[in-house]
Amino acid sequence: MTRDVGDYLEDMLAYAGKTRAFVEGLSFDAFSRDEKTQMAVIRGLEVIGMRNVLVHAYFGVKLRVVFDTATTFVPELIDRLPGIITAVGTPD
């Protein structure tokens, strides 16, 4: 099965929703002590477009940047992606 750009955008939207759910209600302190949640959030951010930044940081990943991205920018992405998906449409 060939995937098109809409499929990838749908993946981004799904992982953005999961990422937002993982950090919902967490403070940065709680997040910084929860390695399982950190790994889940990092994986979600990789899928939605931060893979290059995260992979090449190796052990230099800044948890504050990960947390701020998940709590500030991911909700904005979730708001915008449905319109982008609609604009891209489905190929005939």
C-alpha atoms as a PDB file:
ATOM      1  CA  MET A   1       0.000   0.000   0.000  1.00  0.00           C
ATOM      2  CA  THR A   2       1.355   3.390  -0.990  1.00  0.00           C
ATOM      3  CA  ARG A   3       1.055   6.136   1.563  1.00  0.00           C
ATOM      4  CA  ASP A   4       0.430   9.730   0.563  1.00  0.00           C
ATOM      5  CA  VAL A   5       1.093  13.005   2.330  1.00  0.00           C
ATOM      6  CA  GLY A   6      -2.340  12.899   3.952  1.00  0.00           C
ATOM      7  CA  ASP A   7      -1.473   9.586   5.609  1.00  0.00           C
ATOM      8  CA  TYR A   8       1.656  11.095   7.124  1.00  0.00           C
ATOM      9  CA  LEU A   9      -0.264  14.141   8.316  1.00  0.00           C
ATOM     10  CA  GLU A  10      -2.837  11.845   9.939  1.00  0.00           C
ATOM     11  CA  ASP A  11       0.039  10.038  11.699  1.00  0.00           C
ATOM     12  CA  MET A  12       1.327  13.391  12.932  1.00  0.00           C
ATOM     13  CA  LEU A  13      -2.105  14.306  14.273  1.00  0.00           C
ATOM     14  CA  ALA A  14      -2.476  10.956  16.058  1.00  0.00           C
ATOM     15  CA  TYR A  15       0.947  11.168  17.690  1.00  0.00           C
ATOM     16  CA  ALA A  16       0.443  14.815  18.592  1.00  0.00           C
ATOM     17  CA  GLY A  17      -2.737  13.785  20.435  1.00  0.00           C
ATOM     18  CA  LYS A  18      -0.910  11.016  22.268  1.00  0.00           C
ATOM     19  CA  THR A  19       1.948  13.353  23.157  1.00  0.00           C
ATOM     20  CA  ARG A  20      -0.455  15.930  24.561  1.00  0.00           C
ATOM     21  CA  ALA A  21      -2.198  13.229  26.599  1.00  0.00           C
ATOM     22  CA  PHE A  22       1.113  11.973  28.034  1.00  0.00           C
ATOM     23  CA  VAL A  23       1.940  15.380  29.557  1.00  0.00           C
ATOM     24  CA  GLU A  24      -1.560  16.488  30.457  1.00  0.00           C
ATOM     25  CA  GLY A  25      -1.632  17.596  34.078  1.00  0.00           C
ATOM     26  CA  LEU A  26       2.107  17.044  34.615  1.00  0.00           C
ATOM     27  CA  SER A  27       4.430  19.680  35.968  1.00  0.00           C
ATOM     28  CA  PHE A  28       7.946  19.878  34.582  1.00  0.00           C
ATOM     29  CA  ASP A  29       9.267  18.448  37.863  1.00  0.00           C
ATOM     30  CA  ALA A  30       6.992  15.413  37.599  1.00  0.00           C
ATOM     31  CA  PHE A  31       7.911  14.987  33.941  1.00  0.00           C
ATOM     32  CA  SER A  32      11.638  15.186  34.690  1.00  0.00           C
ATOM     33  CA  ARG A  33      11.304  12.328  37.214  1.00  0.00           C
ATOM     34  CA  ASP A  34       9.236  10.060  34.929  1.00  0.00           C
ATOM     35  CA  GLU A  35      11.538   8.380  32.418  1.00  0.00           C
ATOM     36  CA  LYS A  36       8.734   6.305  30.903  1.00  0.00           C
ATOM     37  CA  THR A  37       6.737   9.429  30.063  1.00  0.00           C
ATOM     38  CA  GLN A  38       9.861  11.170  28.780  1.00  0.00           C
ATOM     39  CA  MET A  39      10.521   8.316  26.357  1.00  0.00           C
ATOM     40  CA  ALA A  40       6.899   8.258  25.188  1.00  0.00           C
ATOM     41  CA  VAL A  41       6.879  12.019  24.603  1.00  0.00           C
ATOM     42  CA  ILE A  42      10.212  11.924  22.784  1.00  0.00           C
ATOM     43  CA  ARG A  43       8.882   9.170  20.499  1.00  0.00           C
ATOM     44  CA  GLY A  44       5.773  11.209  19.780  1.00  0.00           C
ATOM     45  CA  LEU A  45       7.848  14.276  18.952  1.00  0.00           C
ATOM     46  CA  GLU A  46      10.014  12.206  16.624  1.00  0.00           C
ATOM     47  CA  VAL A  47       6.952  11.191  14.631  1.00  0.00           C
ATOM     48  CA  ILE A  48       5.551  14.715  14.414  1.00  0.00           C
ATOM     49  CA  GLY A  49       8.754  16.165  13.049  1.00  0.00           C
ATOM     50  CA  MET A  50      11.465  16.625  15.660  1.00  0.00           C
ATOM     51  CA  ARG A  51      13.294  13.385  14.937  1.00  0.00           C
ATOM     52  CA  ASN A  52      16.382  15.005  13.436  1.00  0.00           C
ATOM     53  CA  VAL A  53      16.794  17.342  16.406  1.00  0.00           C
ATOM     54  CA  LEU A  54      16.273  14.591  18.975  1.00  0.00           C
ATOM     55  CA  VAL A  55      18.355  11.909  17.292  1.00  0.00           C
ATOM     56  CA  HIS A  56      21.374  14.113  16.747  1.00  0.00           C
ATOM     57  CA  ALA A  57      21.312  15.524  20.263  1.00  0.00           C
ATOM     58  CA  TYR A  58      22.176  12.046  21.604  1.00  0.00           C
ATOM     59  CA  PHE A  59      22.561  12.489  25.357  1.00  0.00           C
ATOM     60  CA  GLY A  60      22.139  16.235  25.090  1.00  0.00           C
ATOM     61  CA  VAL A  61      18.350  16.218  24.807  1.00  0.00           C
ATOM     62  CA  LYS A  62      17.080  19.048  26.969  1.00  0.00           C
ATOM     63  CA  LEU A  63      14.047  17.850  28.920  1.00  0.00           C
ATOM     64  CA  ARG A  64      12.810  21.420  29.330  1.00  0.00           C
ATOM     65  CA  VAL A  65      12.697  21.845  25.532  1.00  0.00           C
ATOM     66  CA  VAL A  66      10.913  18.499  25.142  1.00  0.00           C
ATOM     67  CA  PHE A  67       8.370  19.400  27.836  1.00  0.00           C
ATOM     68  CA  ASP A  68       7.795  22.929  26.523  1.00  0.00           C
ATOM     69  CA  THR A  69       7.343  21.610  22.996  1.00  0.00           C
ATOM     70  CA  ALA A  70       4.847  18.985  24.171  1.00  0.00           C
ATOM     71  CA  THR A  71       2.844  21.427  26.292  1.00  0.00           C
ATOM     72  CA  THR A  72       3.012  24.563  24.134  1.00  0.00           C
ATOM     73  CA  PHE A  73       3.589  23.724  20.486  1.00  0.00           C
ATOM     74  CA  VAL A  74       1.917  20.324  20.174  1.00  0.00           C
ATOM     75  CA  PRO A  75      -1.532  21.696  21.110  1.00  0.00           C
ATOM     76  CA  GLU A  76      -1.086  24.378  18.437  1.00  0.00           C
ATOM     77  CA  LEU A  77      -0.130  21.699  15.915  1.00  0.00           C
ATOM     78  CA  ILE A  78      -3.242  19.722  16.843  1.00  0.00           C
ATOM     79  CA  ASP A  79      -5.346  22.830  16.170  1.00  0.00           C
ATOM     80  CA  ARG A  80      -3.761  23.421  12.750  1.00  0.00           C
ATOM     81  CA  LEU A  81      -3.326  19.915  11.316  1.00  0.00           C
ATOM     82  CA  PRO A  82      -6.998  19.183  10.547  1.00  0.00           C
ATOM     83  CA  GLY A  83      -7.162  22.221   8.247  1.00  0.00           C
ATOM     84  CA  ILE A  84      -3.936  21.208   6.538  1.00  0.00           C
ATOM     85  CA  ILE A  85      -5.215  17.653   6.085  1.00  0.00           C
ATOM     86  CA  THR A  86      -8.427  19.008   4.566  1.00  0.00           C
ATOM     87  CA  ALA A  87      -6.492  21.336   2.255  1.00  0.00           C
ATOM     88  CA  VAL A  88      -4.271  18.481   1.060  1.00  0.00           C
ATOM     89  CA  GLY A  89      -7.286  16.295   0.420  1.00  0.00           C
ATOM     90  CA  THR A  90      -7.327  12.694  -0.660  1.00  0.00           C
ATOM     91  CA  PRO A  91      -5.892  11.731  -4.051  1.00  0.00           C
ATOM     92  CA  ASP A  92      -8.377  10.293  -6.534  1.00  0.00           C
END
